[in-house]
C-alpha atoms as a PDB file:
ATOM      1  CA  MET A   1     -69.736  15.086  65.478  1.00  0.00           C
ATOM      2  CA  ILE A   2     -66.131  15.148  66.589  1.00  0.00           C
ATOM      3  CA  SER A   3     -64.324  18.254  67.746  1.00  0.00           C
ATOM      4  CA  SER A   4     -60.751  18.619  66.530  1.00  0.00           C
ATOM      5  CA  GLU A   5     -59.679  19.520  70.078  1.00  0.00           C
ATOM      6  CA  ASN A   6     -60.300  15.888  71.029  1.00  0.00           C
ATOM      7  CA  PHE A   7     -57.964  14.697  68.288  1.00  0.00           C
ATOM      8  CA  ASN A   8     -54.763  16.427  69.336  1.00  0.00           C
ATOM      9  CA  LYS A   9     -54.552  16.771  73.096  1.00  0.00           C
ATOM     10  CA  ASN A  10     -50.864  15.872  72.746  1.00  0.00           C
ATOM     11  CA  PRO A  11     -49.751  16.573  69.151  1.00  0.00           C
ATOM     12  CA  SER A  12     -46.150  15.583  69.904  1.00  0.00           C
ATOM     13  CA  SER A  13     -47.156  12.014  70.745  1.00  0.00           C
ATOM     14  CA  ASP A  14     -47.567   9.284  68.172  1.00  0.00           C
ATOM     15  CA  PRO A  15     -51.259   9.352  67.093  1.00  0.00           C
ATOM     16  CA  ILE A  16     -51.110   5.722  65.944  1.00  0.00           C
ATOM     17  CA  LYS A  17     -50.411   4.592  69.510  1.00  0.00           C
ATOM     18  CA  GLU A  18     -53.189   6.677  71.045  1.00  0.00           C
ATOM     19  CA  PRO A  19     -56.654   5.210  71.579  1.00  0.00           C
ATOM     20  CA  ILE A  20     -58.803   6.390  68.695  1.00  0.00           C
ATOM     21  CA  SER A  21     -62.578   6.499  68.935  1.00  0.00           C
ATOM     22  CA  THR A  22     -63.918   7.992  65.745  1.00  0.00           C
ATOM     23  CA  ASP A  23     -67.645   8.485  65.401  1.00  0.00           C
ATOM     24  CA  PRO A  24     -68.978   5.785  63.022  1.00  0.00           C
ATOM     25  CA  TYR A  25     -70.994   8.566  61.394  1.00  0.00           C
ATOM     26  CA  PHE A  26     -67.969   9.355  59.254  1.00  0.00           C
ATOM     27  CA  PHE A  27     -67.810   5.859  57.746  1.00  0.00           C
ATOM     28  CA  SER A  28     -71.473   5.070  57.219  1.00  0.00           C
ATOM     29  CA  MET A  29     -73.466   5.271  53.989  1.00  0.00           C
ATOM     30  CA  PRO A  30     -77.166   4.660  53.354  1.00  0.00           C
ATOM     31  CA  LYS A  31     -77.831   1.649  51.153  1.00  0.00           C
ATOM     32  CA  GLU A  32     -79.148   3.782  48.289  1.00  0.00           C
ATOM     33  CA  LEU A  33     -76.005   5.934  48.373  1.00  0.00           C
ATOM     34  CA  LYS A  34     -73.813   2.829  48.288  1.00  0.00           C
ATOM     35  CA  THR A  35     -75.769   1.587  45.277  1.00  0.00           C
ATOM     36  CA  SER A  36     -75.299   4.944  43.588  1.00  0.00           C
ATOM     37  CA  LEU A  37     -71.555   4.890  44.243  1.00  0.00           C
ATOM     38  CA  ASP A  38     -71.215   1.358  42.882  1.00  0.00           C
ATOM     39  CA  SER A  39     -72.988   2.472  39.713  1.00  0.00           C
ATOM     40  CA  MET A  40     -70.752   5.539  39.358  1.00  0.00           C
ATOM     41  CA  LEU A  41     -67.608   3.442  39.741  1.00  0.00           C
ATOM     42  CA  GLU A  42     -68.783   0.823  37.275  1.00  0.00           C
ATOM     43  CA  SER A  43     -69.667   3.402  34.632  1.00  0.00           C
ATOM     44  CA  SER A  44     -66.417   5.335  35.109  1.00  0.00           C
ATOM     45  CA  GLN A  45     -64.027   2.482  34.318  1.00  0.00           C
ATOM     46  CA  ASN A  46     -62.891   2.009  30.735  1.00  0.00           C
ATOM     47  CA  LYS A  47     -61.280  -1.429  30.549  1.00  0.00           C
ATOM     48  CA  ASN A  48     -60.030  -0.642  27.049  1.00  0.00           C
ATOM     49  CA  ALA A  49     -57.876   2.240  28.240  1.00  0.00           C
ATOM     50  CA  PRO A  50     -54.242   1.791  27.150  1.00  0.00           C
ATOM     51  CA  ASN A  51     -51.315   1.940  29.557  1.00  0.00           C
ATOM     52  CA  PHE A  52     -50.875   5.670  30.000  1.00  0.00           C
ATOM     53  CA  TRP A  53     -47.082   5.523  30.487  1.00  0.00           C
ATOM     54  CA  HIS A  54     -46.588   4.309  26.907  1.00  0.00           C
ATOM     55  CA  LYS A  55     -45.012   6.957  24.708  1.00  0.00           C
ATOM     56  CA  ASN A  56     -47.744   6.906  22.090  1.00  0.00           C
ATOM     57  CA  ILE A  57     -50.298   7.778  24.793  1.00  0.00           C
ATOM     58  CA  CYS A  58     -48.480  10.337  26.952  1.00  0.00           C
ATOM     59  CA  ASP A  59     -45.642  12.752  26.448  1.00  0.00           C
ATOM     60  CA  GLU A  60     -42.818  11.909  28.843  1.00  0.00           C
ATOM     61  CA  LEU A  61     -41.083  15.024  30.141  1.00  0.00           C
ATOM     62  CA  TYR A  62     -38.227  15.647  32.541  1.00  0.00           C
ATOM     63  CA  VAL A  63     -38.601  18.804  34.603  1.00  0.00           C
ATOM     64  CA  PRO A  64     -35.550  20.550  36.133  1.00  0.00           C
ATOM     65  CA  VAL A  65     -35.500  20.670  39.946  1.00  0.00           C
ATOM     66  CA  ASP A  66     -32.732  21.213  42.495  1.00  0.00           C
ATOM     67  CA  ASP A  67     -29.845  18.789  41.820  1.00  0.00           C
ATOM     68  CA  GLY A  68     -31.563  17.018  38.940  1.00  0.00           C
ATOM     69  CA  GLU A  69     -34.855  16.257  37.202  1.00  0.00           C
ATOM     70  CA  ILE A  70     -38.173  14.589  37.949  1.00  0.00           C
ATOM     71  CA  ARG A  71     -40.432  12.857  35.448  1.00  0.00           C
ATOM     72  CA  VAL A  72     -43.830  14.077  34.297  1.00  0.00           C
ATOM     73  CA  PHE A  73     -46.322  12.284  32.070  1.00  0.00           C
ATOM     74  CA  HIS A  74     -48.655  14.565  30.113  1.00  0.00           C
ATOM     75  CA  TYR A  75     -51.814  13.174  28.574  1.00  0.00           C
ATOM     76  CA  LEU A  76     -53.998  15.347  26.341  1.00  0.00           C
ATOM     77  CA  PRO A  77     -57.158  13.711  24.966  1.00  0.00           C
ATOM     78  CA  LYS A  78     -58.335  14.701  21.506  1.00  0.00           C
ATOM     79  CA  ASP A  79     -61.705  15.939  22.708  1.00  0.00           C
ATOM     80  CA  PRO A  80     -61.718  16.287  26.531  1.00  0.00           C
ATOM     81  CA  ILE A  81     -65.022  16.691  28.327  1.00  0.00           C
ATOM     82  CA  SER A  82     -63.350  18.283  31.354  1.00  0.00           C
ATOM     83  CA  LYS A  83     -63.127  22.018  31.912  1.00  0.00           C
ATOM     84  CA  ARG A  84     -59.666  21.890  33.468  1.00  0.00           C
ATOM     85  CA  PRO A  85     -56.713  19.517  33.772  1.00  0.00           C
ATOM     86  CA  LEU A  86     -55.790  17.180  36.597  1.00  0.00           C
ATOM     87  CA  VAL A  87     -52.360  17.575  38.210  1.00  0.00           C
ATOM     88  CA  PHE A  88     -51.729  14.304  40.037  1.00  0.00           C
ATOM     89  CA  ILE A  89     -49.004  13.548  42.604  1.00  0.00           C
ATOM     90  CA  PRO A  90     -48.684   9.775  43.211  1.00  0.00           C
ATOM     91  CA  GLY A  91     -47.637   8.314  46.561  1.00  0.00           C
ATOM     92  CA  TRP A  92     -44.199   7.225  47.767  1.00  0.00           C
ATOM     93  CA  GLY A  93     -42.369   5.012  45.301  1.00  0.00           C
ATOM     94  CA  VAL A  94     -45.512   3.949  43.413  1.00  0.00           C
ATOM     95  CA  ASN A  95     -44.876   3.201  39.744  1.00  0.00           C
ATOM     96  CA  PRO A  96     -47.283   4.340  36.992  1.00  0.00           C
ATOM     97  CA  ALA A  97     -48.897   0.897  36.665  1.00  0.00           C
ATOM     98  CA  GLY A  98     -50.312   1.394  40.157  1.00  0.00           C
ATOM     99  CA  PHE A  99     -52.578   4.132  38.821  1.00  0.00           C
ATOM    100  CA  GLN A 100     -53.821   2.525  35.638  1.00  0.00           C
ATOM    101  CA  ASP A 101     -57.322   2.251  37.130  1.00  0.00           C
ATOM    102  CA  LEU A 102     -57.307   5.992  37.752  1.00  0.00           C
ATOM    103  CA  PHE A 103     -56.320   6.569  34.136  1.00  0.00           C
ATOM    104  CA  SER A 104     -59.078   4.240  32.935  1.00  0.00           C
ATOM    105  CA  ALA A 105     -61.601   6.579  34.569  1.00  0.00           C
ATOM    106  CA  ILE A 106     -60.283   9.735  32.896  1.00  0.00           C
ATOM    107  CA  TYR A 107     -59.169   8.251  29.560  1.00  0.00           C
ATOM    108  CA  GLU A 108     -60.376  10.343  26.595  1.00  0.00           C
ATOM    109  CA  LYS A 109     -62.025  12.768  29.042  1.00  0.00           C
ATOM    110  CA  VAL A 110     -59.455  14.628  31.157  1.00  0.00           C
ATOM    111  CA  GLU A 111     -56.071  16.220  30.520  1.00  0.00           C
ATOM    112  CA  LEU A 112     -53.523  14.780  32.961  1.00  0.00           C
ATOM    113  CA  TYR A 113     -50.180  15.908  34.369  1.00  0.00           C
ATOM    114  CA  TYR A 114     -48.732  13.026  36.388  1.00  0.00           C
ATOM    115  CA  ILE A 115     -45.775  14.358  38.417  1.00  0.00           C
ATOM    116  CA  GLU A 116     -43.412  11.874  40.064  1.00  0.00           C
ATOM    117  CA  SER A 117     -41.448  12.819  43.187  1.00  0.00           C
ATOM    118  CA  ARG A 118     -37.700  12.516  43.571  1.00  0.00           C
ATOM    119  CA  GLU A 119     -37.525   9.289  45.600  1.00  0.00           C
ATOM    120  CA  LYS A 120     -38.886   7.359  42.621  1.00  0.00           C
ATOM    121  CA  LYS A 121     -36.791   5.245  40.262  1.00  0.00           C
ATOM    122  CA  SER A 122     -37.502   7.642  37.383  1.00  0.00           C
ATOM    123  CA  SER A 123     -35.871  10.721  38.918  1.00  0.00           C
ATOM    124  CA  HIS A 124     -32.439  11.911  37.834  1.00  0.00           C
ATOM    125  CA  ILE A 125     -30.906  13.161  41.065  1.00  0.00           C
ATOM    126  CA  ARG A 126     -27.200  13.784  40.637  1.00  0.00           C
ATOM    127  CA  PHE A 127     -25.897  13.781  44.191  1.00  0.00           C
ATOM    128  CA  TRP A 128     -26.264  11.265  46.989  1.00  0.00           C
ATOM    129  CA  GLY A 129     -26.190  14.216  49.383  1.00  0.00           C
ATOM    130  CA  SER A 130     -29.202  15.917  47.756  1.00  0.00           C
ATOM    131  CA  LYS A 131     -32.211  16.844  49.840  1.00  0.00           C
ATOM    132  CA  PHE A 132     -35.118  14.399  49.926  1.00  0.00           C
ATOM    133  CA  ASP A 133     -37.122  16.019  52.721  1.00  0.00           C
ATOM    134  CA  MET A 134     -40.768  17.081  52.475  1.00  0.00           C
ATOM    135  CA  HIS A 135     -39.938  20.744  51.942  1.00  0.00           C
ATOM    136  CA  GLN A 136     -37.815  19.809  48.921  1.00  0.00           C
ATOM    137  CA  LYS A 137     -40.477  17.510  47.488  1.00  0.00           C
ATOM    138  CA  ALA A 138     -43.113  20.228  47.806  1.00  0.00           C
ATOM    139  CA  LYS A 139     -40.692  22.679  46.194  1.00  0.00           C
ATOM    140  CA  ASP A 140     -40.177  20.198  43.324  1.00  0.00           C
ATOM    141  CA  ILE A 141     -43.929  20.006  42.683  1.00  0.00           C
ATOM    142  CA  SER A 142     -44.150  23.788  42.680  1.00  0.00           C
ATOM    143  CA  ALA A 143     -41.223  23.966  40.237  1.00  0.00           C
ATOM    144  CA  ALA A 144     -42.896  21.451  37.941  1.00  0.00           C
ATOM    145  CA  ILE A 145     -46.187  23.371  37.963  1.00  0.00           C
ATOM    146  CA  THR A 146     -44.302  26.532  37.053  1.00  0.00           C
ATOM    147  CA  TYR A 147     -42.308  24.744  34.342  1.00  0.00           C
ATOM    148  CA  LEU A 148     -45.538  23.358  32.856  1.00  0.00           C
ATOM    149  CA  ASP A 149     -46.975  26.905  32.742  1.00  0.00           C
ATOM    150  CA  LEU A 150     -49.934  26.025  34.970  1.00  0.00           C
ATOM    151  CA  ASN A 151     -49.665  28.741  37.618  1.00  0.00           C
ATOM    152  CA  GLU A 152     -52.193  31.051  36.021  1.00  0.00           C
ATOM    153  CA  LYS A 153     -54.513  28.275  34.882  1.00  0.00           C
ATOM    154  CA  ASN A 154     -57.479  26.583  36.518  1.00  0.00           C
ATOM    155  CA  TYR A 155     -56.584  23.012  37.465  1.00  0.00           C
ATOM    156  CA  VAL A 156     -57.257  20.337  40.072  1.00  0.00           C
ATOM    157  CA  LEU A 157     -54.299  19.305  42.259  1.00  0.00           C
ATOM    158  CA  MET A 158     -54.755  15.795  43.667  1.00  0.00           C
ATOM    159  CA  GLY A 159     -52.499  13.524  45.687  1.00  0.00           C
ATOM    160  CA  PRO A 160     -53.152  10.209  47.454  1.00  0.00           C
ATOM    161  CA  CYS A 161     -51.269   8.818  50.443  1.00  0.00           C
ATOM    162  CA  TRP A 162     -47.740  10.283  50.519  1.00  0.00           C
ATOM    163  CA  GLY A 163     -48.557  12.445  47.507  1.00  0.00           C
ATOM    164  CA  GLY A 164     -51.284  13.998  49.646  1.00  0.00           C
ATOM    165  CA  ALA A 165     -48.749  14.554  52.429  1.00  0.00           C
ATOM    166  CA  VAL A 166     -46.406  16.348  49.994  1.00  0.00           C
ATOM    167  CA  ILE A 167     -49.288  18.597  48.931  1.00  0.00           C
ATOM    168  CA  MET A 168     -50.076  19.366  52.581  1.00  0.00           C
ATOM    169  CA  GLN A 169     -46.416  20.284  53.134  1.00  0.00           C
ATOM    170  CA  GLY A 170     -46.570  22.553  50.088  1.00  0.00           C
ATOM    171  CA  LEU A 171     -49.618  24.294  51.559  1.00  0.00           C
ATOM    172  CA  MET A 172     -47.884  24.681  54.914  1.00  0.00           C
ATOM    173  CA  ASP A 173     -44.793  26.077  53.154  1.00  0.00           C
ATOM    174  CA  LYS A 174     -46.971  28.389  50.994  1.00  0.00           C
ATOM    175  CA  VAL A 175     -45.480  27.048  47.739  1.00  0.00           C
ATOM    176  CA  LEU A 176     -48.630  25.325  46.425  1.00  0.00           C
ATOM    177  CA  THR A 177     -51.229  27.878  47.452  1.00  0.00           C
ATOM    178  CA  LYS A 178     -51.928  28.931  43.850  1.00  0.00           C
ATOM    179  CA  ALA A 179     -53.609  25.589  43.132  1.00  0.00           C
ATOM    180  CA  PRO A 180     -57.272  26.442  42.462  1.00  0.00           C
ATOM    181  CA  THR A 181     -58.671  23.180  43.866  1.00  0.00           C
ATOM    182  CA  VAL A 182     -56.780  20.850  46.226  1.00  0.00           C
ATOM    183  CA  ILE A 183     -57.812  17.239  46.849  1.00  0.00           C
ATOM    184  CA  THR A 184     -56.009  14.796  49.117  1.00  0.00           C
ATOM    185  CA  VAL A 185     -57.017  11.141  49.141  1.00  0.00           C
ATOM    186  CA  ASP A 186     -56.038   9.231  52.305  1.00  0.00           C
ATOM    187  CA  PRO A 187     -53.175  11.636  53.084  1.00  0.00           C
ATOM    188  CA  MET A 188     -50.514  10.052  55.305  1.00  0.00           C
ATOM    189  CA  HIS A 189     -49.880  12.030  58.471  1.00  0.00           C
ATOM    190  CA  ARG A 190     -46.426  10.487  58.906  1.00  0.00           C
ATOM    191  CA  LEU A 191     -44.120   7.949  57.269  1.00  0.00           C
ATOM    192  CA  TRP A 192     -45.287   4.397  57.961  1.00  0.00           C
ATOM    193  CA  PHE A 193     -41.755   2.993  58.358  1.00  0.00           C
ATOM    194  CA  SER A 194     -40.455   2.333  61.867  1.00  0.00           C
ATOM    195  CA  LYS A 195     -39.101   5.522  63.455  1.00  0.00           C
ATOM    196  CA  PHE A 196     -36.804   3.467  65.672  1.00  0.00           C
ATOM    197  CA  ALA A 197     -35.299   1.606  62.726  1.00  0.00           C
ATOM    198  CA  LEU A 198     -34.804   4.794  60.703  1.00  0.00           C
ATOM    199  CA  LYS A 199     -33.045   6.518  63.584  1.00  0.00           C
ATOM    200  CA  TRP A 200     -30.967   3.732  65.106  1.00  0.00           C
ATOM    201  CA  ILE A 201     -30.563   0.968  62.506  1.00  0.00           C
ATOM    202  CA  THR A 202     -30.671   2.126  58.875  1.00  0.00           C
ATOM    203  CA  PRO A 203     -27.964   4.840  59.236  1.00  0.00           C
ATOM    204  CA  PHE A 204     -25.454   2.110  60.109  1.00  0.00           C
ATOM    205  CA  ILE A 205     -26.365  -0.331  57.326  1.00  0.00           C
ATOM    206  CA  PRO A 206     -24.617   0.176  53.946  1.00  0.00           C
ATOM    207  CA  THR A 207     -27.034   0.853  51.117  1.00  0.00           C
ATOM    208  CA  PHE A 208     -25.948  -2.229  49.144  1.00  0.00           C
ATOM    209  CA  MET A 209     -27.087  -4.355  52.085  1.00  0.00           C
ATOM    210  CA  PHE A 210     -30.639  -3.079  51.704  1.00  0.00           C
ATOM    211  CA  THR A 211     -30.608  -4.263  48.098  1.00  0.00           C
ATOM    212  CA  LEU A 212     -29.465  -7.703  49.231  1.00  0.00           C
ATOM    213  CA  LEU A 213     -32.111  -7.699  51.960  1.00  0.00           C
ATOM    214  CA  LYS A 214     -34.969  -6.794  49.605  1.00  0.00           C
ATOM    215  CA  PRO A 215     -36.541 -10.296  49.746  1.00  0.00           C
ATOM    216  CA  ILE A 216     -36.565 -10.177  53.558  1.00  0.00           C
ATOM    217  CA  ILE A 217     -37.975  -6.654  53.589  1.00  0.00           C
ATOM    218  CA  LYS A 218     -40.625  -7.771  51.132  1.00  0.00           C
ATOM    219  CA  TRP A 219     -41.650 -10.705  53.320  1.00  0.00           C
ATOM    220  CA  PHE A 220     -41.699  -8.575  56.459  1.00  0.00           C
ATOM    221  CA  LYS A 221     -43.959  -5.979  54.871  1.00  0.00           C
ATOM    222  CA  LEU A 222     -46.269  -8.334  52.973  1.00  0.00           C
ATOM    223  CA  HIS A 223     -46.771 -11.428  55.095  1.00  0.00           C
ATOM    224  CA  ASN A 224     -49.744  -9.888  56.963  1.00  0.00           C
ATOM    225  CA  MET A 225     -51.380  -8.520  53.819  1.00  0.00           C
ATOM    226  CA  HIS A 226     -54.223 -10.693  52.575  1.00  0.00           C
ATOM    227  CA  GLU A 227     -56.211  -8.358  50.328  1.00  0.00           C
ATOM    228  CA  PRO A 228     -55.012  -9.267  46.777  1.00  0.00           C
ATOM    229  CA  THR A 229     -55.101  -5.757  45.283  1.00  0.00           C
ATOM    230  CA  GLN A 230     -53.258  -4.217  48.200  1.00  0.00           C
ATOM    231  CA  LYS A 231     -50.661  -6.998  48.214  1.00  0.00           C
ATOM    232  CA  SER A 232     -50.039  -6.752  44.470  1.00  0.00           C
ATOM    233  CA  ARG A 233     -49.653  -2.976  44.781  1.00  0.00           C
ATOM    234  CA  ALA A 234     -47.155  -3.356  47.625  1.00  0.00           C
ATOM    235  CA  GLU A 235     -45.114  -5.998  45.758  1.00  0.00           C
ATOM    236  CA  ALA A 236     -44.683  -3.680  42.764  1.00  0.00           C
ATOM    237  CA  PHE A 237     -43.875  -0.839  45.140  1.00  0.00           C
ATOM    238  CA  ILE A 238     -40.967  -2.737  46.750  1.00  0.00           C
ATOM    239  CA  ALA A 239     -39.702  -4.248  43.493  1.00  0.00           C
ATOM    240  CA  ASP A 240     -39.316  -0.786  41.945  1.00  0.00           C
ATOM    241  CA  ALA A 241     -37.433   0.708  44.893  1.00  0.00           C
ATOM    242  CA  VAL A 242     -34.046   2.347  44.380  1.00  0.00           C
ATOM    243  CA  MET A 243     -32.639   1.698  47.810  1.00  0.00           C
ATOM    244  CA  TRP A 244     -30.232   4.640  48.134  1.00  0.00           C
ATOM    245  CA  LYS A 245     -33.044   7.064  47.304  1.00  0.00           C
ATOM    246  CA  TRP A 246     -35.425   5.360  49.713  1.00  0.00           C
ATOM    247  CA  LYS A 247     -32.868   5.283  52.503  1.00  0.00           C
ATOM    248  CA  ARG A 248     -31.994   8.934  52.033  1.00  0.00           C
ATOM    249  CA  ALA A 249     -35.615  10.019  51.720  1.00  0.00           C
ATOM    250  CA  ALA A 250     -36.891   7.949  54.652  1.00  0.00           C
ATOM    251  CA  GLN A 251     -34.226   9.248  57.007  1.00  0.00           C
ATOM    252  CA  GLN A 252     -34.937  12.855  56.031  1.00  0.00           C
ATOM    253  CA  VAL A 253     -38.701  12.607  56.567  1.00  0.00           C
ATOM    254  CA  ASN A 254     -38.557  10.498  59.724  1.00  0.00           C
ATOM    255  CA  GLU A 255     -39.771  13.378  61.897  1.00  0.00           C
ATOM    256  CA  PHE A 256     -42.486  14.540  59.486  1.00  0.00           C
ATOM    257  CA  GLU A 257     -45.925  14.815  61.099  1.00  0.00           C
ATOM    258  CA  LEU A 258     -49.153  16.451  59.915  1.00  0.00           C
ATOM    259  CA  PHE A 259     -51.057  16.279  63.195  1.00  0.00           C
ATOM    260  CA  GLY A 260     -50.476  19.379  65.241  1.00  0.00           C
ATOM    261  CA  ASN A 261     -49.159  21.347  62.253  1.00  0.00           C
ATOM    262  CA  LEU A 262     -52.113  21.822  59.898  1.00  0.00           C
ATOM    263  CA  SER A 263     -53.583  24.941  61.475  1.00  0.00           C
ATOM    264  CA  VAL A 264     -51.324  27.118  59.279  1.00  0.00           C
ATOM    265  CA  VAL A 265     -52.986  25.886  56.067  1.00  0.00           C
ATOM    266  CA  GLU A 266     -55.151  28.740  54.820  1.00  0.00           C
ATOM    267  CA  LYS A 267     -56.465  27.107  51.660  1.00  0.00           C
ATOM    268  CA  GLU A 268     -59.577  24.963  51.374  1.00  0.00           C
ATOM    269  CA  VAL A 269     -58.684  21.278  51.073  1.00  0.00           C
ATOM    270  CA  PHE A 270     -60.955  18.396  50.117  1.00  0.00           C
ATOM    271  CA  VAL A 271     -60.087  15.288  52.145  1.00  0.00           C
ATOM    272  CA  ILE A 272     -61.356  12.075  50.544  1.00  0.00           C
ATOM    273  CA  ASN A 273     -61.582   8.574  51.991  1.00  0.00           C
ATOM    274  CA  GLY A 274     -63.233   5.434  50.728  1.00  0.00           C
ATOM    275  CA  THR A 275     -61.178   2.424  51.835  1.00  0.00           C
ATOM    276  CA  ASN A 276     -59.245   1.095  54.813  1.00  0.00           C
ATOM    277  CA  ASP A 277     -56.117  -1.085  54.914  1.00  0.00           C
ATOM    278  CA  LEU A 278     -52.952  -1.816  56.877  1.00  0.00           C
ATOM    279  CA  ILE A 279     -51.226   1.339  55.631  1.00  0.00           C
ATOM    280  CA  HIS A 280     -54.177   3.718  55.338  1.00  0.00           C
ATOM    281  CA  ASP A 281     -56.080   3.908  58.622  1.00  0.00           C
ATOM    282  CA  GLN A 282     -59.307   5.627  57.635  1.00  0.00           C
ATOM    283  CA  ARG A 283     -59.853   6.906  61.179  1.00  0.00           C
ATOM    284  CA  ASP A 284     -57.080   9.442  60.534  1.00  0.00           C
ATOM    285  CA  TYR A 285     -58.840  11.310  57.744  1.00  0.00           C
ATOM    286  CA  PRO A 286     -61.719  12.991  59.616  1.00  0.00           C
ATOM    287  CA  LYS A 287     -59.054  14.000  62.150  1.00  0.00           C
ATOM    288  CA  ILE A 288     -56.941  15.590  59.424  1.00  0.00           C
ATOM    289  CA  ALA A 289     -59.991  17.351  57.967  1.00  0.00           C
ATOM    290  CA  ALA A 290     -60.985  18.681  61.408  1.00  0.00           C
ATOM    291  CA  GLU A 291     -57.529  20.088  62.070  1.00  0.00           C
ATOM    292  CA  LEU A 292     -57.480  21.976  58.768  1.00  0.00           C
ATOM    293  CA  PRO A 293     -59.046  25.446  59.168  1.00  0.00           C
ATOM    294  CA  LYS A 294     -60.845  25.096  55.825  1.00  0.00           C
ATOM    295  CA  SER A 295     -61.672  21.604  54.644  1.00  0.00           C
ATOM    296  CA  ARG A 296     -64.470  19.396  53.404  1.00  0.00           C
ATOM    297  CA  PHE A 297     -64.521  15.676  54.116  1.00  0.00           C
ATOM    298  CA  LEU A 298     -66.081  13.161  51.736  1.00  0.00           C
ATOM    299  CA  PHE A 299     -66.536   9.478  52.490  1.00  0.00           C
ATOM    300  CA  LEU A 300     -67.136   7.198  49.497  1.00  0.00           C
ATOM    301  CA  GLY A 301     -67.010   3.737  51.017  1.00  0.00           C
ATOM    302  CA  THR A 302     -65.921   1.023  48.621  1.00  0.00           C
ATOM    303  CA  ASP A 303     -63.767  -2.072  48.353  1.00  0.00           C
ATOM    304  CA  GLU A 304     -59.974  -1.714  48.509  1.00  0.00           C
ATOM    305  CA  SER A 305     -59.725  -3.062  44.950  1.00  0.00           C
ATOM    306  CA  ASN A 306     -61.538   0.102  43.791  1.00  0.00           C
ATOM    307  CA  ARG A 307     -59.181   2.553  45.497  1.00  0.00           C
ATOM    308  CA  GLU A 308     -57.456   3.952  42.383  1.00  0.00           C
ATOM    309  CA  LEU A 309     -60.650   3.779  40.329  1.00  0.00           C
ATOM    310  CA  LEU A 310     -62.365   5.859  43.017  1.00  0.00           C
ATOM    311  CA  MET A 311     -59.622   8.484  42.705  1.00  0.00           C
ATOM    312  CA  GLY A 312     -60.155   8.606  38.959  1.00  0.00           C
ATOM    313  CA  MET A 313     -63.917   8.972  39.300  1.00  0.00           C
ATOM    314  CA  VAL A 314     -63.534  11.773  41.861  1.00  0.00           C
ATOM    315  CA  ALA A 315     -60.916  13.486  39.674  1.00  0.00           C
ATOM    316  CA  GLU A 316     -63.188  13.344  36.650  1.00  0.00           C
ATOM    317  CA  GLU A 317     -66.085  14.892  38.573  1.00  0.00           C
ATOM    318  CA  PHE A 318     -63.963  17.738  39.934  1.00  0.00           C
ATOM    319  CA  THR A 319     -62.391  18.521  36.547  1.00  0.00           C
ATOM    320  CA  LYS A 320     -65.860  18.865  35.002  1.00  0.00           C
ATOM    321  CA  ILE A 321     -66.555  21.902  37.187  1.00  0.00           C
ATOM    322  CA  LEU A 322     -64.653  25.134  37.797  1.00  0.00           C
ATOM    323  CA  GLN A 323     -63.094  26.368  41.026  1.00  0.00           C
ATOM    324  CA  ASN A 324     -66.016  28.617  41.973  1.00  0.00           C
ATOM    325  CA  ASP A 325     -68.421  25.667  41.745  1.00  0.00           C
ATOM    326  CA  GLN A 326     -66.578  24.177  44.757  1.00  0.00           C
ATOM    327  CA  ILE A 327     -67.924  20.602  44.732  1.00  0.00           C
ATOM    328  CA  PRO A 328     -69.517  18.452  42.024  1.00  0.00           C
ATOM    329  CA  PRO A 329     -73.257  17.890  42.599  1.00  0.00           C
ATOM    330  CA  SER A 330     -72.719  14.136  42.107  1.00  0.00           C
ATOM    331  CA  LEU A 331     -70.372  14.037  45.115  1.00  0.00           C
ATOM    332  CA  LEU A 332     -72.264  16.368  47.437  1.00  0.00           C
ATOM    333  CA  PRO A 333     -74.318  13.537  49.028  1.00  0.00           C
ATOM    334  CA  PHE A 334     -71.057  11.927  50.205  1.00  0.00           C
ATOM    335  CA  GLU A 335     -69.913  14.940  52.233  1.00  0.00           C
ATOM    336  CA  LYS A 336     -69.710  14.577  56.028  1.00  0.00           C
ATOM    337  CA  ALA A 337     -69.991  17.643  58.246  1.00  0.00           C
ATOM    338  CA  ILE A 338     -66.850  18.466  60.211  1.00  0.00           C
ATOM    339  CA  GLN A 339     -67.142  20.241  63.571  1.00  0.00           C
ATOM    340  CA  ARG A 340     -63.971  22.038  64.514  1.00  0.00           C
ATOM    341  CA  GLY A 341     -62.856  23.130  67.949  1.00  0.00           C
ATOM    342  CA  SER A 342     -63.093  26.816  68.771  1.00  0.00           C
END
């Protein structure tokens, strides 16, 4: 077991640069459990699922937020098997195609609200000087949930990567505390871009130059990536970037950090991890779970190519139960005990 007091002896320092020795207990699975997970993933995927962002599949809505609008996709199956909808917050800049595997797992089963944040290409933000910080993004998600008339309903709020970070900020700001069930998948504790570059270089480079430099940025970010699924995901991520939004957003969240700040979260949060890559260091996630006053950590170890499918499978299982049921029986064997510091 790992005490959270060993994770944050100096919360103001950069956790990535600190030596990390996470108990391998958190990332181990018995062979029979791995076999069970593989079977669950295989049975959850529907390869015939259509692209969910097509208009004949989802309703495309634009929700009013400060200084503009953000896009929401709403999918309502004819005969859902779930007991409540999924409200999903995708990560930074990711386009809908990046979550097609998630949709394949919930297709014809689960109602979906897919809410895109304001740094994405789809948003209609009217002013270059608009806020793009984490507080604003969390406020946007809260505004969308209110607009969609979900506040008094039972739903599952899920966010991976930067979407998970936005949810955490919303919990810290007390604007997303009405969510009945909160799930974060590989939540990012800070922005993965260089802090030095964001503080001392990007403010002095005109935005049009970033557009011209896209091929170089792409090479710099991708040349060390060898896992095909991860690389393909990252290529689409960069290609879809609107550089003025990214520049504005990155500069405004440069000082964002979860470690050392999560003790104010009063709500129970499920922290999920299953894969490890250059952007998502899985050693961070038991640390995040331990720092949260109320959390449950689940490890579902699988290949990186299954990352979005895993999210969909987990989402389906949680939407089949109600809030008071806490955790699906099918996922209970994957829970790891978290020991928190006194």
